[in-house]
Amino acid sequence: MGITPLEIRKMEFKKSFRGFDVQEVQSFLEIVADQLEGLNRENMSIKEQLRSLEQRLDDYKSMESTLQSTLTSAQKTSEQIRKNAEQESDLIIQNAKLQAETIMEKARSQVVEITSEISALNTHKVSIKAQIKGFLEAQLKAIETGEIKYKKVEIDDAFPQIKRKIKTNAPTLDNLFEQKNI
């Protein structure tokens, strides 16, 4: 803008014989100067508002950019967390399977071992029963044939030897004798 309200107010025109009314021209120039001054103030205000709005727009664009990068980063992070969780869960499952297999193998081994021990104990039990039965039959036969005369003292003296023999063959039979008060 080349002309200011002050220049309009101070503007003077040449006077001529058939010229305009000076007072009217001055009054019009004053009105034009006032309006120009108002327009200048409004223009400056609008420019200030525009600068403020442009600054806010820049701020919003910056926030949008920051939010966009944050969102992208959050998506990448969540994807990485999901992948890590899947890998960790796979490892946990694999470890659990390995532990379960180890436990099952150990249990199978223990079952075989216990079954073997039970079988050995049953065989030992049968052997001890046969020995006791043979011993008792021999003793009964000896009593019947008169080779051994029954005396309570002799049986009581022989019992610890029998008991020792049985203990060496089957320590668990000791409980049986104690229960029967033999």
C-alpha atoms as a PDB file:
ATOM      1  CA  MET A   1       0.000   0.000   0.000  1.00  0.00           C
ATOM      2  CA  GLY A   2       1.505   3.258  -1.101  1.00  0.00           C
ATOM      3  CA  ILE A   3      -0.587   5.815   0.731  1.00  0.00           C
ATOM      4  CA  THR A   4      -1.212   6.128   4.460  1.00  0.00           C
ATOM      5  CA  PRO A   5      -4.151   7.718   6.272  1.00  0.00           C
ATOM      6  CA  LEU A   6      -1.843  10.497   7.480  1.00  0.00           C
ATOM      7  CA  GLU A   7      -0.842  11.317   3.868  1.00  0.00           C
ATOM      8  CA  ILE A   8      -4.518  11.472   2.938  1.00  0.00           C
ATOM      9  CA  ARG A   9      -5.214  13.875   5.820  1.00  0.00           C
ATOM     10  CA  LYS A  10      -2.317  16.161   4.907  1.00  0.00           C
ATOM     11  CA  MET A  11      -3.026  16.078   1.211  1.00  0.00           C
ATOM     12  CA  GLU A  12      -3.628  19.507  -0.244  1.00  0.00           C
ATOM     13  CA  PHE A  13      -5.018  20.269  -3.654  1.00  0.00           C
ATOM     14  CA  LYS A  14      -4.552  23.340  -5.812  1.00  0.00           C
ATOM     15  CA  LYS A  15      -7.339  25.781  -5.750  1.00  0.00           C
ATOM     16  CA  SER A  16      -8.936  26.733  -8.945  1.00  0.00           C
ATOM     17  CA  PHE A  17     -11.749  28.949  -9.896  1.00  0.00           C
ATOM     18  CA  ARG A  18     -14.193  26.314 -10.602  1.00  0.00           C
ATOM     19  CA  GLY A  19     -12.737  23.716  -8.240  1.00  0.00           C
ATOM     20  CA  PHE A  20     -14.342  21.563  -5.565  1.00  0.00           C
ATOM     21  CA  ASP A  21     -15.516  22.851  -2.261  1.00  0.00           C
ATOM     22  CA  VAL A  22     -12.464  22.685  -0.024  1.00  0.00           C
ATOM     23  CA  GLN A  23     -14.470  21.838   3.072  1.00  0.00           C
ATOM     24  CA  GLU A  24     -16.230  18.992   1.293  1.00  0.00           C
ATOM     25  CA  VAL A  25     -12.991  17.604  -0.092  1.00  0.00           C
ATOM     26  CA  GLN A  26     -11.375  17.825   3.349  1.00  0.00           C
ATOM     27  CA  SER A  27     -14.361  16.101   4.926  1.00  0.00           C
ATOM     28  CA  PHE A  28     -14.287  13.346   2.287  1.00  0.00           C
ATOM     29  CA  LEU A  29     -10.527  12.898   2.681  1.00  0.00           C
ATOM     30  CA  GLU A  30     -11.008  12.573   6.452  1.00  0.00           C
ATOM     31  CA  ILE A  31     -13.651   9.859   5.923  1.00  0.00           C
ATOM     32  CA  VAL A  32     -11.414   8.028   3.432  1.00  0.00           C
ATOM     33  CA  ALA A  33      -8.438   8.324   5.812  1.00  0.00           C
ATOM     34  CA  ASP A  34     -10.546   6.948   8.713  1.00  0.00           C
ATOM     35  CA  GLN A  35     -11.763   4.059   6.622  1.00  0.00           C
ATOM     36  CA  LEU A  36      -8.283   3.373   5.288  1.00  0.00           C
ATOM     37  CA  GLU A  37      -6.971   3.453   8.849  1.00  0.00           C
ATOM     38  CA  GLY A  38      -9.688   0.992   9.923  1.00  0.00           C
ATOM     39  CA  LEU A  39      -8.925  -1.238   6.961  1.00  0.00           C
ATOM     40  CA  ASN A  40      -5.218  -1.118   7.783  1.00  0.00           C
ATOM     41  CA  ARG A  41      -5.940  -2.080  11.425  1.00  0.00           C
ATOM     42  CA  GLU A  42      -8.267  -4.869  10.265  1.00  0.00           C
ATOM     43  CA  ASN A  43      -5.667  -6.016   7.737  1.00  0.00           C
ATOM     44  CA  MET A  44      -2.968  -6.083  10.433  1.00  0.00           C
ATOM     45  CA  SER A  45      -5.313  -7.949  12.761  1.00  0.00           C
ATOM     46  CA  ILE A  46      -6.137 -10.466  10.028  1.00  0.00           C
ATOM     47  CA  LYS A  47      -2.431 -10.867   9.242  1.00  0.00           C
ATOM     48  CA  GLU A  48      -1.742 -11.446  12.948  1.00  0.00           C
ATOM     49  CA  GLN A  49      -4.567 -13.988  13.103  1.00  0.00           C
ATOM     50  CA  LEU A  50      -3.196 -15.635   9.958  1.00  0.00           C
ATOM     51  CA  ARG A  51       0.293 -15.848  11.520  1.00  0.00           C
ATOM     52  CA  SER A  52      -1.238 -17.315  14.693  1.00  0.00           C
ATOM     53  CA  LEU A  53      -3.310 -19.804  12.692  1.00  0.00           C
ATOM     54  CA  GLU A  54      -0.313 -20.725  10.542  1.00  0.00           C
ATOM     55  CA  GLN A  55       1.711 -21.257  13.733  1.00  0.00           C
ATOM     56  CA  ARG A  56      -1.056 -23.441  15.168  1.00  0.00           C
ATOM     57  CA  LEU A  57      -1.278 -25.311  11.856  1.00  0.00           C
ATOM     58  CA  ASP A  58       2.471 -25.912  11.971  1.00  0.00           C
ATOM     59  CA  ASP A  59       2.089 -27.099  15.573  1.00  0.00           C
ATOM     60  CA  TYR A  60      -0.737 -29.431  14.555  1.00  0.00           C
ATOM     61  CA  LYS A  61       1.286 -30.731  11.618  1.00  0.00           C
ATOM     62  CA  SER A  62       4.192 -31.339  13.979  1.00  0.00           C
ATOM     63  CA  MET A  63       1.857 -33.107  16.441  1.00  0.00           C
ATOM     64  CA  GLU A  64       0.394 -35.146  13.590  1.00  0.00           C
ATOM     65  CA  SER A  65       3.870 -36.134  12.473  1.00  0.00           C
ATOM     66  CA  THR A  66       4.827 -37.014  16.041  1.00  0.00           C
ATOM     67  CA  LEU A  67       1.604 -38.985  16.522  1.00  0.00           C
ATOM     68  CA  GLN A  68       2.133 -40.769  13.221  1.00  0.00           C
ATOM     69  CA  SER A  69       5.692 -41.747  14.138  1.00  0.00           C
ATOM     70  CA  THR A  70       4.535 -42.737  17.646  1.00  0.00           C
ATOM     71  CA  LEU A  71       1.757 -44.851  16.165  1.00  0.00           C
ATOM     72  CA  THR A  72       4.178 -46.481  13.741  1.00  0.00           C
ATOM     73  CA  SER A  73       6.625 -47.104  16.567  1.00  0.00           C
ATOM     74  CA  ALA A  74       3.845 -48.504  18.772  1.00  0.00           C
ATOM     75  CA  GLN A  75       2.738 -50.813  15.958  1.00  0.00           C
ATOM     76  CA  LYS A  76       6.289 -52.034  15.453  1.00  0.00           C
ATOM     77  CA  THR A  77       6.733 -52.489  19.201  1.00  0.00           C
ATOM     78  CA  SER A  78       3.456 -54.358  19.574  1.00  0.00           C
ATOM     79  CA  GLU A  79       4.375 -56.579  16.617  1.00  0.00           C
ATOM     80  CA  GLN A  80       7.770 -57.277  18.168  1.00  0.00           C
ATOM     81  CA  ILE A  81       6.151 -58.001  21.553  1.00  0.00           C
ATOM     82  CA  ARG A  82       3.688 -60.357  19.872  1.00  0.00           C
ATOM     83  CA  LYS A  83       6.504 -62.163  18.044  1.00  0.00           C
ATOM     84  CA  ASN A  84       8.536 -62.398  21.249  1.00  0.00           C
ATOM     85  CA  ALA A  85       5.512 -63.726  23.142  1.00  0.00           C
ATOM     86  CA  GLU A  86       4.899 -66.347  20.442  1.00  0.00           C
ATOM     87  CA  GLN A  87       8.545 -67.409  20.526  1.00  0.00           C
ATOM     88  CA  GLU A  88       8.518 -67.539  24.315  1.00  0.00           C
ATOM     89  CA  SER A  89       5.297 -69.554  24.356  1.00  0.00           C
ATOM     90  CA  ASP A  90       6.783 -71.954  21.784  1.00  0.00           C
ATOM     91  CA  LEU A  91       9.870 -72.375  23.966  1.00  0.00           C
ATOM     92  CA  ILE A  92       7.737 -72.931  27.057  1.00  0.00           C
ATOM     93  CA  ILE A  93       5.682 -75.549  25.222  1.00  0.00           C
ATOM     94  CA  GLN A  94       8.829 -77.282  23.937  1.00  0.00           C
ATOM     95  CA  ASN A  95      10.346 -77.276  27.423  1.00  0.00           C
ATOM     96  CA  ALA A  96       7.111 -78.598  28.901  1.00  0.00           C
ATOM     97  CA  LYS A  97       7.019 -81.382  26.303  1.00  0.00           C
ATOM     98  CA  LEU A  98      10.632 -82.278  27.016  1.00  0.00           C
ATOM     99  CA  GLN A  99      10.001 -82.268  30.755  1.00  0.00           C
ATOM    100  CA  ALA A 100       6.867 -84.370  30.307  1.00  0.00           C
ATOM    101  CA  GLU A 101       8.768 -86.847  28.139  1.00  0.00           C
ATOM    102  CA  THR A 102      11.578 -86.997  30.705  1.00  0.00           C
ATOM    103  CA  ILE A 103       9.078 -87.551  33.515  1.00  0.00           C
ATOM    104  CA  MET A 104       7.250 -90.213  31.506  1.00  0.00           C
ATOM    105  CA  GLU A 105      10.518 -91.991  30.660  1.00  0.00           C
ATOM    106  CA  LYS A 106      11.569 -91.856  34.303  1.00  0.00           C
ATOM    107  CA  ALA A 107       8.160 -93.202  35.361  1.00  0.00           C
ATOM    108  CA  ARG A 108       8.401 -96.022  32.792  1.00  0.00           C
ATOM    109  CA  SER A 109      11.863 -96.850  34.048  1.00  0.00           C
ATOM    110  CA  GLN A 110      10.630 -96.874  37.639  1.00  0.00           C
ATOM    111  CA  VAL A 111       7.674 -99.097  36.674  1.00  0.00           C
ATOM    112  CA  VAL A 112      10.063-101.576  35.029  1.00  0.00           C
ATOM    113  CA  GLU A 113      12.371-101.435  38.056  1.00  0.00           C
ATOM    114  CA  ILE A 114       9.528-101.861  40.559  1.00  0.00           C
ATOM    115  CA  THR A 115       8.003-104.673  38.500  1.00  0.00           C
ATOM    116  CA  SER A 116      11.384-106.374  38.436  1.00  0.00           C
ATOM    117  CA  GLU A 117      11.747-105.924  42.211  1.00  0.00           C
ATOM    118  CA  ILE A 118       8.224-107.285  42.809  1.00  0.00           C
ATOM    119  CA  SER A 119       8.999-110.279  40.618  1.00  0.00           C
ATOM    120  CA  ALA A 120      12.263-110.891  42.495  1.00  0.00           C
ATOM    121  CA  LEU A 121      10.467-110.557  45.844  1.00  0.00           C
ATOM    122  CA  ASN A 122       7.741-112.963  44.708  1.00  0.00           C
ATOM    123  CA  THR A 123      10.381-115.460  43.612  1.00  0.00           C
ATOM    124  CA  HIS A 124      12.197-114.990  46.912  1.00  0.00           C
ATOM    125  CA  LYS A 125       8.907-115.400  48.798  1.00  0.00           C
ATOM    126  CA  VAL A 126       8.160-118.650  46.983  1.00  0.00           C
ATOM    127  CA  SER A 127      11.701-119.857  47.713  1.00  0.00           C
ATOM    128  CA  ILE A 128      11.427-118.985  51.424  1.00  0.00           C
ATOM    129  CA  LYS A 129       7.991-120.613  51.637  1.00  0.00           C
ATOM    130  CA  ALA A 130       9.420-123.743  50.068  1.00  0.00           C
ATOM    131  CA  GLN A 131      12.365-123.710  52.480  1.00  0.00           C
ATOM    132  CA  ILE A 132      10.123-123.189  55.497  1.00  0.00           C
ATOM    133  CA  LYS A 133       7.687-125.833  54.268  1.00  0.00           C
ATOM    134  CA  GLY A 134      10.554-128.266  53.654  1.00  0.00           C
ATOM    135  CA  PHE A 135      12.045-127.513  57.032  1.00  0.00           C
ATOM    136  CA  LEU A 136       8.721-127.885  58.806  1.00  0.00           C
ATOM    137  CA  GLU A 137       7.917-131.115  56.916  1.00  0.00           C
ATOM    138  CA  ALA A 138      11.339-132.488  57.804  1.00  0.00           C
ATOM    139  CA  GLN A 139      10.816-131.532  61.414  1.00  0.00           C
ATOM    140  CA  LEU A 140       7.318-133.062  61.421  1.00  0.00           C
ATOM    141  CA  LYS A 141       8.623-136.233  59.815  1.00  0.00           C
ATOM    142  CA  ALA A 142      11.421-136.360  62.359  1.00  0.00           C
ATOM    143  CA  ILE A 143       8.910-135.954  65.183  1.00  0.00           C
ATOM    144  CA  GLU A 144       6.649-138.623  63.662  1.00  0.00           C
ATOM    145  CA  THR A 145       9.490-141.093  63.241  1.00  0.00           C
ATOM    146  CA  GLY A 146      10.674-140.363  66.718  1.00  0.00           C
ATOM    147  CA  GLU A 147      14.011-138.953  65.720  1.00  0.00           C
ATOM    148  CA  ILE A 148      13.203-135.722  67.550  1.00  0.00           C
ATOM    149  CA  LYS A 149      11.510-135.766  70.850  1.00  0.00           C
ATOM    150  CA  TYR A 150       9.400-132.805  71.552  1.00  0.00           C
ATOM    151  CA  LYS A 151      10.669-130.616  74.261  1.00  0.00           C
ATOM    152  CA  LYS A 152       9.656-127.039  74.609  1.00  0.00           C
ATOM    153  CA  VAL A 153      13.211-126.136  75.489  1.00  0.00           C
ATOM    154  CA  GLU A 154      14.611-127.729  72.308  1.00  0.00           C
ATOM    155  CA  ILE A 155      12.149-125.845  70.100  1.00  0.00           C
ATOM    156  CA  ASP A 156      12.816-122.620  71.928  1.00  0.00           C
ATOM    157  CA  ASP A 157      16.568-123.200  71.512  1.00  0.00           C
ATOM    158  CA  ALA A 158      16.216-124.039  67.803  1.00  0.00           C
ATOM    159  CA  PHE A 159      13.925-121.148  67.016  1.00  0.00           C
ATOM    160  CA  PRO A 160      16.631-118.402  67.036  1.00  0.00           C
ATOM    161  CA  GLN A 161      18.660-120.425  64.502  1.00  0.00           C
ATOM    162  CA  ILE A 162      15.639-120.832  62.258  1.00  0.00           C
ATOM    163  CA  LYS A 163      14.795-117.203  62.634  1.00  0.00           C
ATOM    164  CA  ARG A 164      18.390-116.176  61.708  1.00  0.00           C
ATOM    165  CA  LYS A 165      18.311-118.381  58.639  1.00  0.00           C
ATOM    166  CA  ILE A 166      15.006-116.856  57.549  1.00  0.00           C
ATOM    167  CA  LYS A 167      16.275-113.312  58.254  1.00  0.00           C
ATOM    168  CA  THR A 168      19.244-113.794  55.966  1.00  0.00           C
ATOM    169  CA  ASN A 169      16.954-114.962  53.178  1.00  0.00           C
ATOM    170  CA  ALA A 170      14.077-112.539  53.669  1.00  0.00           C
ATOM    171  CA  PRO A 171      14.427-109.600  56.055  1.00  0.00           C
ATOM    172  CA  THR A 172      10.776-108.695  55.483  1.00  0.00           C
ATOM    173  CA  LEU A 173       9.610-111.934  57.064  1.00  0.00           C
ATOM    174  CA  ASP A 174      10.832-110.620  60.424  1.00  0.00           C
ATOM    175  CA  ASN A 175       7.707-108.494  60.553  1.00  0.00           C
ATOM    176  CA  LEU A 176       5.617-111.569  59.803  1.00  0.00           C
ATOM    177  CA  PHE A 177       7.139-113.454  62.738  1.00  0.00           C
ATOM    178  CA  GLU A 178       6.645-110.508  65.055  1.00  0.00           C
ATOM    179  CA  GLN A 179       2.999-110.190  64.040  1.00  0.00           C
ATOM    180  CA  LYS A 180       2.393-113.875  64.618  1.00  0.00           C
ATOM    181  CA  ASN A 181       4.367-113.724  67.908  1.00  0.00           C
ATOM    182  CA  ILE A 182       6.534-116.594  66.826  1.00  0.00           C
END
